């Protein structure tokens, strides 16, 4: 069953899109799910977290309101992040997808790029960096772009 966290009333405004986001976050590490959920809720977003790709797909299919963003790890029990993205694309999901994982091979990154993910981020990452990514993905300028850039952000080095 997914964990749902809603924004606190005095949270700062969401990204430059001017509205809070509905985020689905899939990762098999409970501590990371909790941390990232807290970060996003403090930013004013509503977050649902799940521990594997199968639960993410079911949550996506049966959610009462659409998700603006899916953030997925790659290595999870059940279906992988790659399979989650592939099956999500078959659902004609209109939102953004960010892969947030560690140690992905170039072949796997290319497979994600072929599925038009919006960003590939390497763990670990500072919460401020994630905020910048969301601002870029959901800014007015991003909505006016005719062709999405894949991936739009350079991967961190080090």
N, C-alpha and C. Protein backbone atom coordinates (compact mmCIF):
# COMPACT_ATOMS: atom_id res chain seq x y z
N UNK A 1 0.85 -1.18 0.00
CA UNK A 1 0.00 0.00 0.00
C UNK A 1 0.89 1.24 0.00
N UNK A 2 0.58 2.24 -0.84
CA UNK A 2 1.42 3.43 -0.91
C UNK A 2 1.28 4.30 0.33
N UNK A 3 2.34 5.01 0.64
CA UNK A 3 2.31 6.02 1.68
C UNK A 3 1.99 7.34 1.04
N UNK A 4 1.05 8.08 1.62
CA UNK A 4 0.64 9.36 1.06
C UNK A 4 1.02 10.47 2.03
N UNK A 5 1.72 11.48 1.53
CA UNK A 5 2.06 12.64 2.32
C UNK A 5 1.56 13.87 1.59
N UNK A 6 0.81 14.69 2.30
CA UNK A 6 0.29 15.92 1.71
C UNK A 6 1.07 17.10 2.26
N UNK A 7 1.11 18.20 1.50
CA UNK A 7 1.90 19.34 1.92
C UNK A 7 1.36 19.98 3.19
N UNK A 8 2.26 20.53 3.98
CA UNK A 8 1.85 21.29 5.16
C UNK A 8 1.36 22.65 4.70
N UNK A 9 0.45 23.26 5.47
CA UNK A 9 -0.20 24.48 5.03
C UNK A 9 0.73 25.67 4.86
N UNK A 10 1.78 25.75 5.68
CA UNK A 10 2.68 26.89 5.57
C UNK A 10 3.94 26.56 4.78
N UNK A 11 3.86 25.55 3.93
CA UNK A 11 5.03 25.16 3.13
C UNK A 11 5.31 26.22 2.08
N UNK A 12 6.57 26.36 1.65
CA UNK A 12 6.88 27.30 0.58
C UNK A 12 6.15 26.91 -0.70
N UNK A 13 6.00 27.87 -1.58
CA UNK A 13 5.34 27.60 -2.86
C UNK A 13 6.10 26.54 -3.63
N UNK A 14 5.39 25.85 -4.51
CA UNK A 14 5.99 24.81 -5.34
C UNK A 14 6.91 25.41 -6.38
N UNK A 15 7.27 24.63 -7.39
CA UNK A 15 8.19 25.11 -8.40
C UNK A 15 7.60 26.26 -9.20
N UNK A 16 8.38 26.79 -10.09
CA UNK A 16 7.97 27.98 -10.83
C UNK A 16 6.74 27.76 -11.69
N UNK A 17 6.20 26.56 -11.74
CA UNK A 17 4.95 26.34 -12.45
C UNK A 17 3.81 27.00 -11.70
N UNK A 18 4.05 27.35 -10.41
CA UNK A 18 3.05 28.04 -9.63
C UNK A 18 2.03 27.14 -8.99
N UNK A 19 2.19 25.85 -9.06
CA UNK A 19 1.22 24.95 -8.45
C UNK A 19 1.95 23.77 -7.82
N UNK A 20 1.35 23.21 -6.78
CA UNK A 20 1.94 22.01 -6.19
C UNK A 20 1.84 20.84 -7.15
N UNK A 21 2.78 19.95 -7.04
CA UNK A 21 2.80 18.76 -7.90
C UNK A 21 2.28 17.55 -7.16
N UNK A 22 1.71 16.61 -7.91
CA UNK A 22 1.33 15.30 -7.38
C UNK A 22 2.41 14.34 -7.85
N UNK A 23 3.21 13.82 -6.91
CA UNK A 23 4.40 13.03 -7.22
C UNK A 23 4.21 11.59 -6.76
N UNK A 24 4.60 10.65 -7.63
CA UNK A 24 4.69 9.24 -7.27
C UNK A 24 6.17 8.90 -7.20
N UNK A 25 6.63 8.46 -6.03
CA UNK A 25 8.04 8.17 -5.82
C UNK A 25 8.21 6.68 -5.51
N UNK A 26 8.95 5.97 -6.37
CA UNK A 26 9.16 4.52 -6.22
C UNK A 26 10.62 4.23 -5.92
N UNK A 27 10.86 3.64 -4.75
CA UNK A 27 12.22 3.26 -4.35
C UNK A 27 12.11 2.18 -3.30
N UNK A 28 12.97 1.18 -3.34
CA UNK A 28 12.89 0.08 -2.39
C UNK A 28 13.54 0.40 -1.04
N UNK A 29 14.17 1.56 -0.90
CA UNK A 29 14.79 1.93 0.37
C UNK A 29 13.84 2.81 1.19
N UNK A 30 13.26 2.27 2.28
CA UNK A 30 12.28 3.02 3.07
C UNK A 30 12.83 4.35 3.59
N UNK A 31 14.09 4.37 4.01
CA UNK A 31 14.67 5.59 4.54
C UNK A 31 14.73 6.68 3.47
N UNK A 32 15.08 6.32 2.26
CA UNK A 32 15.16 7.29 1.18
C UNK A 32 13.77 7.76 0.77
N UNK A 33 12.79 6.85 0.76
CA UNK A 33 11.41 7.25 0.47
C UNK A 33 10.93 8.28 1.49
N UNK A 34 11.22 8.04 2.75
CA UNK A 34 10.81 8.95 3.80
C UNK A 34 11.50 10.31 3.67
N UNK A 35 12.80 10.30 3.45
CA UNK A 35 13.56 11.54 3.31
C UNK A 35 13.06 12.36 2.12
N UNK A 36 12.95 11.73 0.97
CA UNK A 36 12.55 12.46 -0.24
C UNK A 36 11.10 12.95 -0.12
N UNK A 37 10.26 12.15 0.50
CA UNK A 37 8.88 12.58 0.71
C UNK A 37 8.85 13.84 1.58
N UNK A 38 9.63 13.85 2.65
CA UNK A 38 9.71 15.03 3.51
C UNK A 38 10.18 16.25 2.74
N UNK A 39 11.19 16.07 1.89
CA UNK A 39 11.73 17.18 1.09
C UNK A 39 10.64 17.73 0.19
N UNK A 40 9.93 16.87 -0.52
CA UNK A 40 8.91 17.32 -1.46
C UNK A 40 7.71 17.95 -0.74
N UNK A 41 7.31 17.39 0.38
CA UNK A 41 6.19 17.94 1.15
C UNK A 41 6.54 19.34 1.65
N UNK A 42 7.78 19.53 2.12
CA UNK A 42 8.21 20.87 2.56
C UNK A 42 8.16 21.87 1.41
N UNK A 43 8.30 21.37 0.19
CA UNK A 43 8.23 22.25 -0.99
C UNK A 43 6.78 22.50 -1.42
N UNK A 44 5.83 21.86 -0.74
CA UNK A 44 4.42 22.10 -1.04
C UNK A 44 3.77 21.08 -1.94
N UNK A 45 4.43 19.95 -2.19
CA UNK A 45 3.90 18.94 -3.11
C UNK A 45 3.21 17.81 -2.34
N UNK A 46 2.32 17.12 -3.02
CA UNK A 46 1.69 15.91 -2.49
C UNK A 46 2.47 14.72 -3.03
N UNK A 47 2.83 13.79 -2.14
CA UNK A 47 3.70 12.68 -2.53
C UNK A 47 3.08 11.35 -2.11
N UNK A 48 3.10 10.40 -3.03
CA UNK A 48 2.75 9.02 -2.71
C UNK A 48 4.01 8.20 -2.94
N UNK A 49 4.39 7.39 -1.97
CA UNK A 49 5.59 6.58 -2.09
C UNK A 49 5.23 5.10 -2.10
N UNK A 50 6.01 4.35 -2.87
CA UNK A 50 5.85 2.90 -2.96
C UNK A 50 7.23 2.25 -2.96
N UNK A 51 7.28 0.97 -2.58
CA UNK A 51 8.56 0.29 -2.41
C UNK A 51 9.02 -0.54 -3.59
N UNK A 52 8.24 -0.57 -4.68
CA UNK A 52 8.68 -1.35 -5.83
C UNK A 52 7.93 -0.91 -7.09
N UNK A 53 8.40 -1.38 -8.22
CA UNK A 53 7.83 -1.00 -9.50
C UNK A 53 6.42 -1.51 -9.70
N UNK A 54 6.12 -2.70 -9.20
CA UNK A 54 4.77 -3.25 -9.34
C UNK A 54 3.76 -2.37 -8.63
N UNK A 55 4.08 -1.96 -7.40
CA UNK A 55 3.19 -1.10 -6.62
C UNK A 55 3.05 0.27 -7.29
N UNK A 56 4.13 0.76 -7.88
CA UNK A 56 4.07 2.05 -8.59
C UNK A 56 3.11 1.97 -9.76
N UNK A 57 3.20 0.91 -10.53
CA UNK A 57 2.32 0.74 -11.69
C UNK A 57 0.85 0.64 -11.26
N UNK A 58 0.59 -0.11 -10.22
CA UNK A 58 -0.78 -0.24 -9.72
C UNK A 58 -1.30 1.10 -9.19
N UNK A 59 -0.45 1.83 -8.46
CA UNK A 59 -0.84 3.14 -7.94
C UNK A 59 -1.13 4.09 -9.09
N UNK A 60 -0.30 4.07 -10.09
CA UNK A 60 -0.48 4.93 -11.26
C UNK A 60 -1.80 4.62 -11.96
N UNK A 61 -2.11 3.35 -12.12
CA UNK A 61 -3.33 2.94 -12.82
C UNK A 61 -4.60 3.28 -12.04
N UNK A 62 -4.52 3.25 -10.70
CA UNK A 62 -5.73 3.35 -9.88
C UNK A 62 -5.83 4.64 -9.08
N UNK A 63 -4.98 5.59 -9.32
CA UNK A 63 -5.01 6.84 -8.57
C UNK A 63 -6.26 7.66 -8.93
N UNK A 64 -6.84 8.27 -7.92
CA UNK A 64 -8.03 9.11 -8.14
C UNK A 64 -7.67 10.40 -8.87
N UNK A 65 -6.43 10.87 -8.71
CA UNK A 65 -6.00 12.07 -9.43
C UNK A 65 -4.69 11.78 -10.15
N UNK A 66 -4.49 12.38 -11.31
CA UNK A 66 -3.29 12.08 -12.10
C UNK A 66 -2.01 12.59 -11.44
N UNK A 67 -0.93 11.91 -11.74
CA UNK A 67 0.38 12.32 -11.24
C UNK A 67 1.03 13.26 -12.24
N UNK A 68 1.68 14.30 -11.72
CA UNK A 68 2.45 15.22 -12.56
C UNK A 68 3.84 14.67 -12.82
N UNK A 69 4.33 13.86 -11.87
CA UNK A 69 5.71 13.40 -11.91
C UNK A 69 5.83 12.02 -11.30
N UNK A 70 6.58 11.16 -11.99
CA UNK A 70 6.97 9.86 -11.43
C UNK A 70 8.49 9.92 -11.25
N UNK A 71 8.94 9.58 -10.07
CA UNK A 71 10.38 9.45 -9.80
C UNK A 71 10.61 7.99 -9.45
N UNK A 72 11.52 7.35 -10.16
CA UNK A 72 11.74 5.92 -9.94
C UNK A 72 13.22 5.58 -9.81
N UNK A 73 13.47 4.63 -8.94
CA UNK A 73 14.77 3.98 -8.84
C UNK A 73 14.82 2.95 -9.98
N UNK A 74 16.00 2.44 -10.27
CA UNK A 74 16.11 1.42 -11.31
C UNK A 74 16.00 0.02 -10.72
N UNK A 75 16.85 -0.29 -9.74
CA UNK A 75 16.88 -1.63 -9.15
C UNK A 75 15.91 -1.72 -7.99
N UNK A 76 14.79 -2.42 -8.23
CA UNK A 76 13.77 -2.61 -7.21
C UNK A 76 13.24 -4.04 -7.32
N UNK A 77 12.63 -4.54 -6.23
CA UNK A 77 11.97 -5.84 -6.32
C UNK A 77 10.83 -5.78 -7.35
N UNK A 78 10.50 -6.91 -7.92
CA UNK A 78 9.44 -6.93 -8.93
C UNK A 78 9.98 -6.32 -10.21
N UNK A 79 9.17 -5.51 -10.86
CA UNK A 79 9.63 -4.91 -12.12
C UNK A 79 10.62 -3.79 -11.82
N UNK A 80 11.59 -3.65 -12.69
CA UNK A 80 12.62 -2.61 -12.53
C UNK A 80 12.04 -1.25 -12.91
N UNK A 81 12.81 -0.22 -12.63
CA UNK A 81 12.42 1.12 -13.06
C UNK A 81 12.25 1.19 -14.56
N UNK A 82 13.12 0.50 -15.29
CA UNK A 82 13.02 0.51 -16.76
C UNK A 82 11.70 -0.11 -17.22
N UNK A 83 11.33 -1.23 -16.62
CA UNK A 83 10.04 -1.86 -16.97
C UNK A 83 8.87 -0.98 -16.55
N UNK A 84 9.00 -0.30 -15.40
CA UNK A 84 7.96 0.63 -14.97
C UNK A 84 7.78 1.74 -15.99
N UNK A 85 8.87 2.33 -16.45
CA UNK A 85 8.79 3.41 -17.44
C UNK A 85 8.19 2.87 -18.74
N UNK A 86 8.66 1.71 -19.18
CA UNK A 86 8.15 1.13 -20.43
C UNK A 86 6.63 0.91 -20.34
N UNK A 87 6.16 0.34 -19.24
CA UNK A 87 4.72 0.08 -19.10
C UNK A 87 3.94 1.37 -18.89
N UNK A 88 4.55 2.35 -18.25
CA UNK A 88 3.91 3.65 -18.06
C UNK A 88 3.72 4.33 -19.41
N UNK A 89 4.69 4.23 -20.29
CA UNK A 89 4.57 4.82 -21.63
C UNK A 89 3.45 4.14 -22.43
N UNK A 90 3.19 2.88 -22.19
CA UNK A 90 2.09 2.19 -22.87
C UNK A 90 0.74 2.70 -22.38
N UNK A 91 0.71 3.30 -21.20
CA UNK A 91 -0.53 3.87 -20.65
C UNK A 91 -0.76 5.29 -21.16
N UNK A 92 0.14 5.78 -21.97
CA UNK A 92 0.12 7.17 -22.46
C UNK A 92 0.09 8.18 -21.31
N UNK A 93 0.91 7.93 -20.31
CA UNK A 93 1.06 8.83 -19.17
C UNK A 93 1.56 10.19 -19.66
N UNK A 94 0.85 11.29 -19.35
CA UNK A 94 1.23 12.60 -19.88
C UNK A 94 2.23 13.38 -19.03
N UNK A 95 2.55 12.89 -17.83
CA UNK A 95 3.42 13.64 -16.92
C UNK A 95 4.90 13.43 -17.21
N UNK A 96 5.71 13.93 -16.31
CA UNK A 96 7.17 13.83 -16.41
C UNK A 96 7.65 12.58 -15.67
N UNK A 97 8.80 12.08 -16.11
CA UNK A 97 9.42 10.92 -15.46
C UNK A 97 10.89 11.23 -15.21
N UNK A 98 11.31 11.01 -13.96
CA UNK A 98 12.71 11.18 -13.57
C UNK A 98 13.21 9.85 -13.03
N UNK A 99 14.36 9.41 -13.51
CA UNK A 99 15.02 8.22 -13.00
C UNK A 99 16.04 8.71 -11.98
N UNK A 100 15.98 8.16 -10.77
CA UNK A 100 16.86 8.57 -9.67
C UNK A 100 17.49 7.30 -9.13
N UNK A 101 18.70 6.99 -9.60
CA UNK A 101 19.31 5.71 -9.29
C UNK A 101 20.82 5.85 -9.21
N UNK A 102 21.46 4.80 -8.80
CA UNK A 102 22.93 4.80 -8.74
C UNK A 102 23.49 3.76 -9.69
N UNK A 103 24.66 4.05 -10.20
CA UNK A 103 25.44 3.10 -11.00
C UNK A 103 24.67 2.47 -12.16
N UNK A 104 24.14 3.30 -13.03
CA UNK A 104 23.48 2.78 -14.24
C UNK A 104 24.50 2.68 -15.35
N UNK A 105 24.47 1.58 -16.08
CA UNK A 105 25.36 1.43 -17.23
C UNK A 105 24.90 2.36 -18.35
N UNK A 106 25.77 2.63 -19.29
CA UNK A 106 25.40 3.46 -20.44
C UNK A 106 24.28 2.81 -21.25
N UNK A 107 24.28 1.48 -21.33
CA UNK A 107 23.22 0.77 -22.04
C UNK A 107 21.87 1.01 -21.40
N UNK A 108 21.82 0.95 -20.07
CA UNK A 108 20.57 1.18 -19.36
C UNK A 108 20.14 2.64 -19.50
N UNK A 109 21.09 3.56 -19.39
CA UNK A 109 20.76 4.99 -19.57
C UNK A 109 20.20 5.23 -20.97
N UNK A 110 20.80 4.60 -21.97
CA UNK A 110 20.31 4.74 -23.34
C UNK A 110 18.89 4.19 -23.48
N UNK A 111 18.60 3.10 -22.79
CA UNK A 111 17.25 2.53 -22.83
C UNK A 111 16.25 3.51 -22.22
N UNK A 112 16.61 4.14 -21.11
CA UNK A 112 15.73 5.16 -20.50
C UNK A 112 15.55 6.34 -21.45
N UNK A 113 16.63 6.78 -22.05
CA UNK A 113 16.54 7.90 -22.99
C UNK A 113 15.63 7.55 -24.17
N UNK A 114 15.71 6.29 -24.62
CA UNK A 114 14.85 5.84 -25.70
C UNK A 114 13.37 5.88 -25.34
N UNK A 115 13.09 5.83 -24.05
CA UNK A 115 11.71 5.91 -23.56
C UNK A 115 11.34 7.35 -23.18
N UNK A 116 12.20 8.28 -23.53
CA UNK A 116 11.96 9.73 -23.35
C UNK A 116 11.74 10.15 -21.90
N UNK A 117 12.57 9.60 -20.98
CA UNK A 117 12.49 10.12 -19.62
C UNK A 117 12.97 11.56 -19.64
N UNK A 118 12.50 12.33 -18.68
CA UNK A 118 12.80 13.75 -18.66
C UNK A 118 14.14 14.07 -18.01
N UNK A 119 14.60 13.20 -17.11
CA UNK A 119 15.91 13.40 -16.49
C UNK A 119 16.38 12.09 -15.88
N UNK A 120 17.70 11.92 -15.86
CA UNK A 120 18.34 10.79 -15.19
C UNK A 120 19.28 11.41 -14.17
N UNK A 121 19.02 11.13 -12.89
CA UNK A 121 19.82 11.68 -11.80
C UNK A 121 20.51 10.55 -11.06
N UNK A 122 21.77 10.78 -10.71
CA UNK A 122 22.54 9.76 -10.03
C UNK A 122 22.53 10.01 -8.52
N UNK A 123 22.23 8.95 -7.75
CA UNK A 123 22.28 9.02 -6.28
C UNK A 123 23.74 9.07 -5.86
N UNK A 124 24.07 9.71 -4.78
CA UNK A 124 23.21 10.59 -3.98
C UNK A 124 23.12 11.97 -4.61
N UNK A 125 22.14 12.75 -4.15
CA UNK A 125 21.94 14.09 -4.69
C UNK A 125 21.48 15.00 -3.55
N UNK A 126 21.86 16.26 -3.61
CA UNK A 126 21.40 17.22 -2.62
C UNK A 126 19.95 17.60 -2.90
N UNK A 127 19.13 17.77 -1.87
CA UNK A 127 17.73 18.18 -2.10
C UNK A 127 17.61 19.46 -2.92
N UNK A 128 18.53 20.40 -2.75
CA UNK A 128 18.47 21.63 -3.55
C UNK A 128 18.65 21.35 -5.03
N UNK A 129 19.48 20.37 -5.35
CA UNK A 129 19.66 19.99 -6.76
C UNK A 129 18.36 19.43 -7.31
N UNK A 130 17.67 18.62 -6.52
CA UNK A 130 16.39 18.06 -6.96
C UNK A 130 15.38 19.18 -7.16
N UNK A 131 15.37 20.18 -6.28
CA UNK A 131 14.47 21.32 -6.44
C UNK A 131 14.75 22.04 -7.76
N UNK A 132 16.03 22.24 -8.08
CA UNK A 132 16.40 22.89 -9.34
C UNK A 132 15.90 22.09 -10.54
N UNK A 133 16.01 20.77 -10.46
CA UNK A 133 15.54 19.91 -11.55
C UNK A 133 14.03 20.08 -11.74
N UNK A 134 13.29 20.07 -10.64
CA UNK A 134 11.84 20.23 -10.74
C UNK A 134 11.48 21.60 -11.30
N UNK A 135 12.19 22.62 -10.88
CA UNK A 135 11.91 23.96 -11.40
C UNK A 135 12.14 24.01 -12.90
N UNK A 136 13.20 23.37 -13.37
CA UNK A 136 13.47 23.36 -14.81
C UNK A 136 12.43 22.54 -15.57
N UNK A 137 12.04 21.41 -15.00
CA UNK A 137 11.05 20.55 -15.68
C UNK A 137 9.67 21.17 -15.75
N UNK A 138 9.31 21.95 -14.74
CA UNK A 138 7.94 22.47 -14.66
C UNK A 138 7.86 23.99 -14.82
N UNK A 139 8.90 24.60 -15.33
CA UNK A 139 8.87 26.05 -15.55
C UNK A 139 8.00 26.38 -16.75
N UNK A 140 7.58 27.63 -16.84
CA UNK A 140 6.79 28.07 -18.00
C UNK A 140 7.57 27.83 -19.29
N UNK A 141 8.85 28.06 -19.27
CA UNK A 141 9.68 27.87 -20.46
C UNK A 141 9.63 26.42 -20.92
N UNK A 142 9.65 25.48 -19.98
CA UNK A 142 9.58 24.06 -20.34
C UNK A 142 8.26 23.74 -21.02
N UNK A 143 7.17 24.39 -20.59
CA UNK A 143 5.86 24.13 -21.19
C UNK A 143 5.77 24.67 -22.61
N UNK A 144 6.59 25.69 -22.93
CA UNK A 144 6.55 26.30 -24.25
C UNK A 144 7.47 25.61 -25.25
N UNK A 145 8.32 24.72 -24.77
CA UNK A 145 9.28 24.05 -25.66
C UNK A 145 8.53 23.15 -26.64
N UNK A 146 8.99 23.12 -27.87
CA UNK A 146 8.34 22.27 -28.87
C UNK A 146 8.89 20.85 -28.85
N UNK A 147 10.15 20.70 -28.50
CA UNK A 147 10.75 19.37 -28.41
C UNK A 147 11.43 19.23 -27.06
N UNK A 148 11.07 18.19 -26.30
CA UNK A 148 11.73 18.01 -25.01
C UNK A 148 13.17 17.57 -25.20
N UNK A 149 14.02 18.07 -24.34
CA UNK A 149 15.42 17.65 -24.36
C UNK A 149 15.55 16.42 -23.49
N UNK A 150 16.21 15.40 -23.97
CA UNK A 150 16.38 14.16 -23.21
C UNK A 150 17.84 13.79 -23.16
N UNK A 151 18.45 13.67 -22.00
CA UNK A 151 17.99 14.21 -20.75
C UNK A 151 18.32 15.69 -20.68
N UNK A 152 17.50 16.51 -19.98
CA UNK A 152 17.72 17.94 -19.97
C UNK A 152 18.82 18.41 -19.02
N UNK A 153 19.33 17.51 -18.18
CA UNK A 153 20.29 17.92 -17.18
C UNK A 153 21.54 17.07 -17.26
N UNK A 154 22.70 17.69 -17.13
CA UNK A 154 23.90 16.87 -17.09
C UNK A 154 23.92 16.06 -15.82
N UNK A 155 24.50 14.88 -15.91
CA UNK A 155 24.61 14.05 -14.72
C UNK A 155 25.77 14.53 -13.89
N UNK A 156 25.61 14.52 -12.54
CA UNK A 156 26.68 14.97 -11.66
C UNK A 156 27.91 14.08 -11.78
N UNK A 157 29.05 14.69 -11.62
CA UNK A 157 30.30 13.94 -11.64
C UNK A 157 30.80 13.78 -10.22
N UNK A 158 31.48 12.71 -9.98
CA UNK A 158 32.14 12.57 -8.69
C UNK A 158 31.55 11.50 -7.94
